Amino acid sequence: MLRLVGSAPDIKSAIDEFWQPYHQDFANVQPIARRYLNASPGSANAALLAQALFTALRNWGACKRRSPKLRSLPQIESALKDRRLHGRLLKLSQQSLAAFSLDQQGHRLLASDAPFNEVGAFDKEILGILNTLADVLFINNTSITYPMKALLLITGLMPALDSQVRGGLTRAGKAGFTGQQLLPWNTQQAAGRRICELPFYLGHCWSLNREVFMEGILSSNHKDLRDAPGRIFDILLFMQNRPDQKLILTFSQQ
């Protein structure tokens, strides 16, 4: 289980100390992504989202040495206009992190009224969409980091497993997140299982501690994140990778 061991002031501090340009990139993309998701994929919103994604992903490290290169803006826009991709992203954006939970034995549960209400279907789709985003947004991408950053920017569903977030998970006591993480194709791979399981740990923790999370968020300078728990965990785990940072999240066996 993932436990919240920090307080509301700890959450506030982590949010406010997170690098402001990264906050701004997310804030810039989110309203454009919402308009894109809630309109027909062939609309002008696809072009606006392509530009916003291109800018944010470059700011977040794409196209730098050892990072994947982005496809051209026309290629990204064309991909976003695809009706099937649009529908898949819309469905994931409607899957609230609060719909994910665990029972007392640690078995994964999904809310019956959620867009995905069967664990196996979610597992297949989350890995499928990450592989699709890797293909349509980037050139020769082999790692999970940048497709997850794109998914976070568009849907806000779950953290992006970059080196900082993985370090935060490792400090929290979760094994398997050190070293480079290659993009998995299926749930039979250990890396695939880790990605599929993560939203359930996060959603369970969010639901158990929602009042504390909300108190921290609403006292921060980024109150708009109250509706983006996936982004909140992304920030908290990123900040938790700092050696001098007090632990806010930790894993336990119970």
C-alpha atoms as a PDB file:
ATOM      1  CA  MET A   1       0.000   0.000   0.000  1.00  0.00           C
ATOM      2  CA  LEU A   2       1.078   3.583  -0.572  1.00  0.00           C
ATOM      3  CA  ARG A   3       0.786   5.670   2.578  1.00  0.00           C
ATOM      4  CA  LEU A   4       0.689   9.435   2.974  1.00  0.00           C
ATOM      5  CA  VAL A   5       3.129  10.202   5.797  1.00  0.00           C
ATOM      6  CA  GLY A   6       3.470  13.928   5.110  1.00  0.00           C
ATOM      7  CA  SER A   7       1.125  16.660   6.282  1.00  0.00           C
ATOM      8  CA  ALA A   8      -0.916  19.228   4.366  1.00  0.00           C
ATOM      9  CA  PRO A   9       1.865  21.839   4.891  1.00  0.00           C
ATOM     10  CA  ASP A  10       4.382  19.329   3.454  1.00  0.00           C
ATOM     11  CA  ILE A  11       2.187  18.911   0.365  1.00  0.00           C
ATOM     12  CA  LYS A  12       1.820  22.682   0.001  1.00  0.00           C
ATOM     13  CA  SER A  13       5.595  23.192   0.256  1.00  0.00           C
ATOM     14  CA  ALA A  14       6.373  20.497  -2.315  1.00  0.00           C
ATOM     15  CA  ILE A  15       3.886  21.990  -4.791  1.00  0.00           C
ATOM     16  CA  ASP A  16       5.128  25.551  -4.309  1.00  0.00           C
ATOM     17  CA  GLU A  17       8.821  24.566  -4.478  1.00  0.00           C
ATOM     18  CA  PHE A  18       8.341  22.584  -7.702  1.00  0.00           C
ATOM     19  CA  TRP A  19       9.978  24.420 -10.611  1.00  0.00           C
ATOM     20  CA  GLN A  20       7.578  27.138 -11.773  1.00  0.00           C
ATOM     21  CA  PRO A  21       8.177  26.680 -15.543  1.00  0.00           C
ATOM     22  CA  TYR A  22       7.075  23.027 -15.212  1.00  0.00           C
ATOM     23  CA  HIS A  23       3.895  24.189 -13.486  1.00  0.00           C
ATOM     24  CA  GLN A  24       3.352  26.671 -16.312  1.00  0.00           C
ATOM     25  CA  ASP A  25       3.802  24.069 -19.062  1.00  0.00           C
ATOM     26  CA  PHE A  26       1.124  21.853 -17.527  1.00  0.00           C
ATOM     27  CA  ALA A  27      -1.181  24.832 -17.006  1.00  0.00           C
ATOM     28  CA  ASN A  28      -0.686  25.894 -20.640  1.00  0.00           C
ATOM     29  CA  VAL A  29      -1.500  22.477 -22.135  1.00  0.00           C
ATOM     30  CA  GLN A  30      -4.421  21.420 -19.929  1.00  0.00           C
ATOM     31  CA  PRO A  31      -7.169  23.801 -21.175  1.00  0.00           C
ATOM     32  CA  ILE A  32      -6.142  23.169 -24.786  1.00  0.00           C
ATOM     33  CA  ALA A  33      -6.195  19.406 -24.160  1.00  0.00           C
ATOM     34  CA  ARG A  34      -9.664  19.628 -22.604  1.00  0.00           C
ATOM     35  CA  ARG A  35     -11.008  21.540 -25.601  1.00  0.00           C
ATOM     36  CA  TYR A  36      -9.431  18.976 -27.938  1.00  0.00           C
ATOM     37  CA  LEU A  37     -10.874  16.032 -26.016  1.00  0.00           C
ATOM     38  CA  ASN A  38     -14.362  17.523 -25.837  1.00  0.00           C
ATOM     39  CA  ALA A  39     -14.588  18.423 -29.539  1.00  0.00           C
ATOM     40  CA  SER A  40     -14.328  16.480 -32.771  1.00  0.00           C
ATOM     41  CA  PRO A  41     -10.738  15.374 -33.438  1.00  0.00           C
ATOM     42  CA  GLY A  42     -10.630  17.017 -36.854  1.00  0.00           C
ATOM     43  CA  SER A  43     -11.204  20.487 -35.422  1.00  0.00           C
ATOM     44  CA  ALA A  44      -8.653  23.270 -35.081  1.00  0.00           C
ATOM     45  CA  ASN A  45      -8.142  22.103 -31.497  1.00  0.00           C
ATOM     46  CA  ALA A  46      -5.871  19.330 -32.786  1.00  0.00           C
ATOM     47  CA  ALA A  47      -3.495  21.908 -34.289  1.00  0.00           C
ATOM     48  CA  LEU A  48      -3.504  23.942 -31.074  1.00  0.00           C
ATOM     49  CA  LEU A  49      -2.794  20.851 -28.962  1.00  0.00           C
ATOM     50  CA  ALA A  50      -0.023  19.728 -31.309  1.00  0.00           C
ATOM     51  CA  GLN A  51       1.722  23.080 -30.848  1.00  0.00           C
ATOM     52  CA  ALA A  52       1.204  23.122 -27.067  1.00  0.00           C
ATOM     53  CA  LEU A  53       2.439  19.544 -26.693  1.00  0.00           C
ATOM     54  CA  PHE A  54       5.434  20.187 -28.927  1.00  0.00           C
ATOM     55  CA  THR A  55       6.459  23.188 -26.803  1.00  0.00           C
ATOM     56  CA  ALA A  56       5.892  21.538 -23.423  1.00  0.00           C
ATOM     57  CA  LEU A  57       7.621  18.281 -24.340  1.00  0.00           C
ATOM     58  CA  ARG A  58      10.657  20.191 -25.631  1.00  0.00           C
ATOM     59  CA  ASN A  59      10.707  22.137 -22.365  1.00  0.00           C
ATOM     60  CA  TRP A  60      10.522  18.820 -20.521  1.00  0.00           C
ATOM     61  CA  GLY A  61      13.593  17.464 -22.268  1.00  0.00           C
ATOM     62  CA  ALA A  62      12.522  15.983 -25.598  1.00  0.00           C
ATOM     63  CA  CYS A  63      14.950  16.489 -28.500  1.00  0.00           C
ATOM     64  CA  LYS A  64      17.908  16.876 -26.138  1.00  0.00           C
ATOM     65  CA  ARG A  65      20.886  14.524 -26.153  1.00  0.00           C
ATOM     66  CA  ARG A  66      19.845  10.975 -25.202  1.00  0.00           C
ATOM     67  CA  SER A  67      16.175  11.960 -25.387  1.00  0.00           C
ATOM     68  CA  PRO A  68      13.838  11.055 -28.252  1.00  0.00           C
ATOM     69  CA  LYS A  69      13.214  13.580 -30.992  1.00  0.00           C
ATOM     70  CA  LEU A  70       9.701  14.837 -31.577  1.00  0.00           C
ATOM     71  CA  ARG A  71       8.005  14.279 -34.905  1.00  0.00           C
ATOM     72  CA  SER A  72       7.185  17.366 -36.957  1.00  0.00           C
ATOM     73  CA  LEU A  73       4.238  19.548 -36.003  1.00  0.00           C
ATOM     74  CA  PRO A  74       2.204  18.463 -39.080  1.00  0.00           C
ATOM     75  CA  GLN A  75       2.806  14.799 -38.185  1.00  0.00           C
ATOM     76  CA  ILE A  76       1.708  15.332 -34.569  1.00  0.00           C
ATOM     77  CA  GLU A  77      -1.361  17.292 -35.678  1.00  0.00           C
ATOM     78  CA  SER A  78      -2.281  14.550 -38.145  1.00  0.00           C
ATOM     79  CA  ALA A  79      -1.975  11.904 -35.412  1.00  0.00           C
ATOM     80  CA  LEU A  80      -4.184  13.894 -33.030  1.00  0.00           C
ATOM     81  CA  LYS A  81      -6.865  14.175 -35.729  1.00  0.00           C
ATOM     82  CA  ASP A  82      -7.165  10.395 -35.856  1.00  0.00           C
ATOM     83  CA  ARG A  83     -10.618   9.518 -34.501  1.00  0.00           C
ATOM     84  CA  ARG A  84      -9.528   6.319 -32.809  1.00  0.00           C
ATOM     85  CA  LEU A  85      -6.641   7.954 -30.946  1.00  0.00           C
ATOM     86  CA  HIS A  86      -8.898  10.836 -29.935  1.00  0.00           C
ATOM     87  CA  GLY A  87     -11.482   8.413 -28.551  1.00  0.00           C
ATOM     88  CA  ARG A  88      -8.885   6.440 -26.604  1.00  0.00           C
ATOM     89  CA  LEU A  89      -7.422   9.584 -25.040  1.00  0.00           C
ATOM     90  CA  LEU A  90     -10.903  10.876 -24.191  1.00  0.00           C
ATOM     91  CA  LYS A  91     -11.783   7.635 -22.397  1.00  0.00           C
ATOM     92  CA  LEU A  92      -8.550   7.708 -20.374  1.00  0.00           C
ATOM     93  CA  SER A  93      -9.099  11.365 -19.477  1.00  0.00           C
ATOM     94  CA  GLN A  94     -12.496  10.397 -18.028  1.00  0.00           C
ATOM     95  CA  GLN A  95     -10.933   7.700 -15.824  1.00  0.00           C
ATOM     96  CA  SER A  96     -10.520   9.534 -12.525  1.00  0.00           C
ATOM     97  CA  LEU A  97      -7.635   8.390 -10.358  1.00  0.00           C
ATOM     98  CA  ALA A  98     -10.182   8.091  -7.532  1.00  0.00           C
ATOM     99  CA  ALA A  99     -11.766   5.180  -9.460  1.00  0.00           C
ATOM    100  CA  PHE A 100      -8.665   3.052  -8.783  1.00  0.00           C
ATOM    101  CA  SER A 101      -8.330   1.269  -5.451  1.00  0.00           C
ATOM    102  CA  LEU A 102      -7.082  -1.827  -3.633  1.00  0.00           C
ATOM    103  CA  ASP A 103      -8.843  -4.268  -1.344  1.00  0.00           C
ATOM    104  CA  GLN A 104      -7.416  -5.378   2.009  1.00  0.00           C
ATOM    105  CA  GLN A 105      -5.442  -8.130   0.304  1.00  0.00           C
ATOM    106  CA  GLY A 106      -3.943  -5.667  -2.170  1.00  0.00           C
ATOM    107  CA  HIS A 107      -6.015  -6.857  -5.130  1.00  0.00           C
ATOM    108  CA  ARG A 108      -6.742  -4.147  -7.684  1.00  0.00           C
ATOM    109  CA  LEU A 109     -10.253  -2.756  -7.972  1.00  0.00           C
ATOM    110  CA  LEU A 110     -11.961  -0.343 -10.378  1.00  0.00           C
ATOM    111  CA  ALA A 111     -15.155   1.567  -9.690  1.00  0.00           C
ATOM    112  CA  SER A 112     -18.098  -0.056 -11.486  1.00  0.00           C
ATOM    113  CA  ASP A 113     -19.199   3.247 -13.028  1.00  0.00           C
ATOM    114  CA  ALA A 114     -15.746   4.178 -14.363  1.00  0.00           C
ATOM    115  CA  PRO A 115     -15.066   4.284 -18.147  1.00  0.00           C
ATOM    116  CA  PHE A 116     -12.824   1.248 -17.605  1.00  0.00           C
ATOM    117  CA  ASN A 117     -14.472  -1.063 -15.070  1.00  0.00           C
ATOM    118  CA  GLU A 118     -12.371  -4.144 -15.711  1.00  0.00           C
ATOM    119  CA  VAL A 119      -8.732  -4.272 -14.614  1.00  0.00           C
ATOM    120  CA  GLY A 120      -7.514  -6.349 -17.563  1.00  0.00           C
ATOM    121  CA  ALA A 121      -9.069  -3.951 -20.078  1.00  0.00           C
ATOM    122  CA  PHE A 122      -7.384  -0.985 -18.401  1.00  0.00           C
ATOM    123  CA  ASP A 123      -4.007  -2.763 -18.328  1.00  0.00           C
ATOM    124  CA  LYS A 124      -4.194  -3.528 -22.038  1.00  0.00           C
ATOM    125  CA  GLU A 125      -5.261   0.002 -22.939  1.00  0.00           C
ATOM    126  CA  ILE A 126      -2.739   1.922 -20.835  1.00  0.00           C
ATOM    127  CA  LEU A 127       0.190   0.016 -22.331  1.00  0.00           C
ATOM    128  CA  GLY A 128      -1.362   0.218 -25.786  1.00  0.00           C
ATOM    129  CA  ILE A 129      -1.823   3.984 -25.656  1.00  0.00           C
ATOM    130  CA  LEU A 130       1.727   4.539 -24.381  1.00  0.00           C
ATOM    131  CA  ASN A 131       3.099   2.550 -27.311  1.00  0.00           C
ATOM    132  CA  THR A 132       0.849   4.468 -29.710  1.00  0.00           C
ATOM    133  CA  LEU A 133       1.983   7.840 -28.339  1.00  0.00           C
ATOM    134  CA  ALA A 134       5.599   6.704 -28.532  1.00  0.00           C
ATOM    135  CA  ASP A 135       5.099   5.952 -32.223  1.00  0.00           C
ATOM    136  CA  VAL A 136       3.031   8.951 -33.365  1.00  0.00           C
ATOM    137  CA  LEU A 137       4.727  11.715 -31.345  1.00  0.00           C
ATOM    138  CA  PHE A 138       8.386  10.655 -31.292  1.00  0.00           C
ATOM    139  CA  ILE A 139      11.087   9.210 -33.529  1.00  0.00           C
ATOM    140  CA  ASN A 140      12.729   5.954 -32.409  1.00  0.00           C
ATOM    141  CA  ASN A 141      11.444   6.242 -28.844  1.00  0.00           C
ATOM    142  CA  THR A 142      12.265   3.216 -26.667  1.00  0.00           C
ATOM    143  CA  SER A 143      11.680   4.467 -23.118  1.00  0.00           C
ATOM    144  CA  ILE A 144       8.496   4.945 -21.100  1.00  0.00           C
ATOM    145  CA  THR A 145       9.375   8.472 -19.977  1.00  0.00           C
ATOM    146  CA  TYR A 146       8.225  10.655 -22.863  1.00  0.00           C
ATOM    147  CA  PRO A 147       5.021   8.825 -23.836  1.00  0.00           C
ATOM    148  CA  MET A 148       4.062   9.064 -20.152  1.00  0.00           C
ATOM    149  CA  LYS A 149       4.843  12.791 -20.147  1.00  0.00           C
ATOM    150  CA  ALA A 150       2.583  13.205 -23.184  1.00  0.00           C
ATOM    151  CA  LEU A 151      -0.188  11.178 -21.514  1.00  0.00           C
ATOM    152  CA  LEU A 152       0.127  13.276 -18.347  1.00  0.00           C
ATOM    153  CA  LEU A 153      -0.066  16.533 -20.307  1.00  0.00           C
ATOM    154  CA  ILE A 154      -3.131  15.435 -22.296  1.00  0.00           C
ATOM    155  CA  THR A 155      -5.148  13.493 -19.707  1.00  0.00           C
ATOM    156  CA  GLY A 156      -3.602  14.241 -16.298  1.00  0.00           C
ATOM    157  CA  LEU A 157      -4.271  10.595 -15.440  1.00  0.00           C
ATOM    158  CA  MET A 158      -1.013   9.472 -13.819  1.00  0.00           C
ATOM    159  CA  PRO A 159       2.589  10.563 -13.209  1.00  0.00           C
ATOM    160  CA  ALA A 160       5.259  10.326 -15.879  1.00  0.00           C
ATOM    161  CA  LEU A 161       8.004   7.941 -14.812  1.00  0.00           C
ATOM    162  CA  ASP A 162      11.014  10.137 -15.500  1.00  0.00           C
ATOM    163  CA  SER A 163      14.205   9.659 -13.481  1.00  0.00           C
ATOM    164  CA  GLN A 164      13.078  12.066 -10.752  1.00  0.00           C
ATOM    165  CA  VAL A 165       9.680  10.430 -10.211  1.00  0.00           C
ATOM    166  CA  ARG A 166      11.268   6.979 -10.302  1.00  0.00           C
ATOM    167  CA  GLY A 167      13.750   8.189  -7.698  1.00  0.00           C
ATOM    168  CA  GLY A 168      10.861   9.393  -5.557  1.00  0.00           C
ATOM    169  CA  LEU A 169       9.215   5.974  -5.819  1.00  0.00           C
ATOM    170  CA  THR A 170      12.499   4.289  -4.905  1.00  0.00           C
ATOM    171  CA  ARG A 171      12.881   6.530  -1.841  1.00  0.00           C
ATOM    172  CA  ALA A 172       9.320   5.605  -0.913  1.00  0.00           C
ATOM    173  CA  GLY A 173      10.378   1.951  -0.823  1.00  0.00           C
ATOM    174  CA  LYS A 174       9.045   0.712  -4.151  1.00  0.00           C
ATOM    175  CA  ALA A 175      11.442  -1.654  -5.928  1.00  0.00           C
ATOM    176  CA  GLY A 176      11.990  -1.857  -9.669  1.00  0.00           C
ATOM    177  CA  PHE A 177      12.198   1.807 -10.627  1.00  0.00           C
ATOM    178  CA  THR A 178      15.961   2.312 -10.789  1.00  0.00           C
ATOM    179  CA  GLY A 179      17.814   2.482 -14.095  1.00  0.00           C
ATOM    180  CA  GLN A 180      16.458   3.087 -17.564  1.00  0.00           C
ATOM    181  CA  GLN A 181      12.881   1.941 -18.096  1.00  0.00           C
ATOM    182  CA  LEU A 182      12.192   0.570 -21.548  1.00  0.00           C
ATOM    183  CA  LEU A 183       8.731   0.874 -23.036  1.00  0.00           C
ATOM    184  CA  PRO A 184       6.880  -2.405 -22.271  1.00  0.00           C
ATOM    185  CA  TRP A 185       4.551  -4.055 -24.740  1.00  0.00           C
ATOM    186  CA  ASN A 186       2.472  -6.222 -22.414  1.00  0.00           C
ATOM    187  CA  THR A 187       1.582  -6.957 -18.801  1.00  0.00           C
ATOM    188  CA  GLN A 188       3.707 -10.095 -18.756  1.00  0.00           C
ATOM    189  CA  GLN A 189       6.779  -7.870 -18.545  1.00  0.00           C
ATOM    190  CA  ALA A 190       7.735  -6.618 -15.074  1.00  0.00           C
ATOM    191  CA  ALA A 191       7.913  -3.025 -16.364  1.00  0.00           C
ATOM    192  CA  GLY A 192       4.417  -3.382 -17.808  1.00  0.00           C
ATOM    193  CA  ARG A 193       3.018  -4.652 -14.513  1.00  0.00           C
ATOM    194  CA  ARG A 194       4.602  -1.741 -12.625  1.00  0.00           C
ATOM    195  CA  ILE A 195       2.951   0.840 -14.897  1.00  0.00           C
ATOM    196  CA  CYS A 196      -0.431  -0.905 -14.755  1.00  0.00           C
ATOM    197  CA  GLU A 197      -0.355  -1.254 -10.958  1.00  0.00           C
ATOM    198  CA  LEU A 198       0.767   2.289 -10.145  1.00  0.00           C
ATOM    199  CA  PRO A 199      -2.613   4.076 -10.617  1.00  0.00           C
ATOM    200  CA  PHE A 200      -4.206   1.663  -8.147  1.00  0.00           C
ATOM    201  CA  TYR A 201      -1.682   2.474  -5.417  1.00  0.00           C
ATOM    202  CA  LEU A 202      -2.070   6.191  -6.120  1.00  0.00           C
ATOM    203  CA  GLY A 203      -5.861   6.145  -6.341  1.00  0.00           C
ATOM    204  CA  HIS A 204      -6.170   4.174  -3.107  1.00  0.00           C
ATOM    205  CA  CYS A 205      -3.858   6.623  -1.318  1.00  0.00           C
ATOM    206  CA  TRP A 206      -5.764   9.616  -2.730  1.00  0.00           C
ATOM    207  CA  SER A 207      -9.152   8.305  -1.627  1.00  0.00           C
ATOM    208  CA  LEU A 208      -7.961   7.487   1.904  1.00  0.00           C
ATOM    209  CA  ASN A 209      -6.334  10.902   2.382  1.00  0.00           C
ATOM    210  CA  ARG A 210      -8.347  13.188   0.136  1.00  0.00           C
ATOM    211  CA  GLU A 211      -8.978  15.824   2.805  1.00  0.00           C
ATOM    212  CA  VAL A 212      -5.262  16.183   3.602  1.00  0.00           C
ATOM    213  CA  PHE A 213      -4.322  16.351  -0.080  1.00  0.00           C
ATOM    214  CA  MET A 214      -6.992  18.980  -0.738  1.00  0.00           C
ATOM    215  CA  GLU A 215      -5.930  21.064   2.253  1.00  0.00           C
ATOM    216  CA  GLY A 216      -2.346  21.093   0.968  1.00  0.00           C
ATOM    217  CA  ILE A 217      -3.354  21.875  -2.614  1.00  0.00           C
ATOM    218  CA  LEU A 218      -5.825  24.634  -1.721  1.00  0.00           C
ATOM    219  CA  SER A 219      -3.284  26.364   0.529  1.00  0.00           C
ATOM    220  CA  SER A 220      -0.673  26.291  -2.264  1.00  0.00           C
ATOM    221  CA  ASN A 221      -0.154  28.721  -5.129  1.00  0.00           C
ATOM    222  CA  HIS A 222      -1.596  26.138  -7.550  1.00  0.00           C
ATOM    223  CA  LYS A 223      -5.180  25.576  -6.431  1.00  0.00           C
ATOM    224  CA  ASP A 224      -6.136  24.597  -9.995  1.00  0.00           C
ATOM    225  CA  LEU A 225      -4.405  21.247  -9.383  1.00  0.00           C
ATOM    226  CA  ARG A 226      -7.225  20.157  -7.061  1.00  0.00           C
ATOM    227  CA  ASP A 227      -8.794  18.370 -10.035  1.00  0.00           C
ATOM    228  CA  ALA A 228      -5.529  16.758 -11.162  1.00  0.00           C
ATOM    229  CA  PRO A 229      -4.491  14.119  -8.595  1.00  0.00           C
ATOM    230  CA  GLY A 230      -2.259  12.398 -11.162  1.00  0.00           C
ATOM    231  CA  ARG A 231      -0.265  15.607 -11.537  1.00  0.00           C
ATOM    232  CA  ILE A 232      -0.125  16.055  -7.746  1.00  0.00           C
ATOM    233  CA  PHE A 233       1.500  12.631  -7.342  1.00  0.00           C
ATOM    234  CA  ASP A 234       3.858  13.470 -10.212  1.00  0.00           C
ATOM    235  CA  ILE A 235       4.999  16.583  -8.337  1.00  0.00           C
ATOM    236  CA  LEU A 236       5.222  14.954  -4.902  1.00  0.00           C
ATOM    237  CA  LEU A 237       7.248  11.993  -6.169  1.00  0.00           C
ATOM    238  CA  PHE A 238       9.484  14.271  -8.248  1.00  0.00           C
ATOM    239  CA  MET A 239      10.223  16.464  -5.224  1.00  0.00           C
ATOM    240  CA  GLN A 240      10.637  13.430  -2.973  1.00  0.00           C
ATOM    241  CA  ASN A 241      13.679  12.385  -4.991  1.00  0.00           C
ATOM    242  CA  ARG A 242      15.671  15.183  -3.356  1.00  0.00           C
ATOM    243  CA  PRO A 243      17.930  13.616  -0.691  1.00  0.00           C
ATOM    244  CA  ASP A 244      17.122  16.430   1.752  1.00  0.00           C
ATOM    245  CA  GLN A 245      13.369  16.241   1.103  1.00  0.00           C
ATOM    246  CA  LYS A 246      11.181  14.877   3.880  1.00  0.00           C
ATOM    247  CA  LEU A 247       9.287  11.781   2.760  1.00  0.00           C
ATOM    248  CA  ILE A 248       5.655  12.521   1.950  1.00  0.00           C
ATOM    249  CA  LEU A 249       4.727   9.144   0.424  1.00  0.00           C
ATOM    250  CA  THR A 250       5.967   5.722   1.438  1.00  0.00           C
ATOM    251  CA  PHE A 251       5.083   2.115   0.648  1.00  0.00           C
ATOM    252  CA  SER A 252       4.200  -0.459   3.276  1.00  0.00           C
ATOM    253  CA  GLN A 253       3.198  -4.110   3.144  1.00  0.00           C
ATOM    254  CA  GLN A 254      -0.095  -3.494   4.952  1.00  0.00           C
END
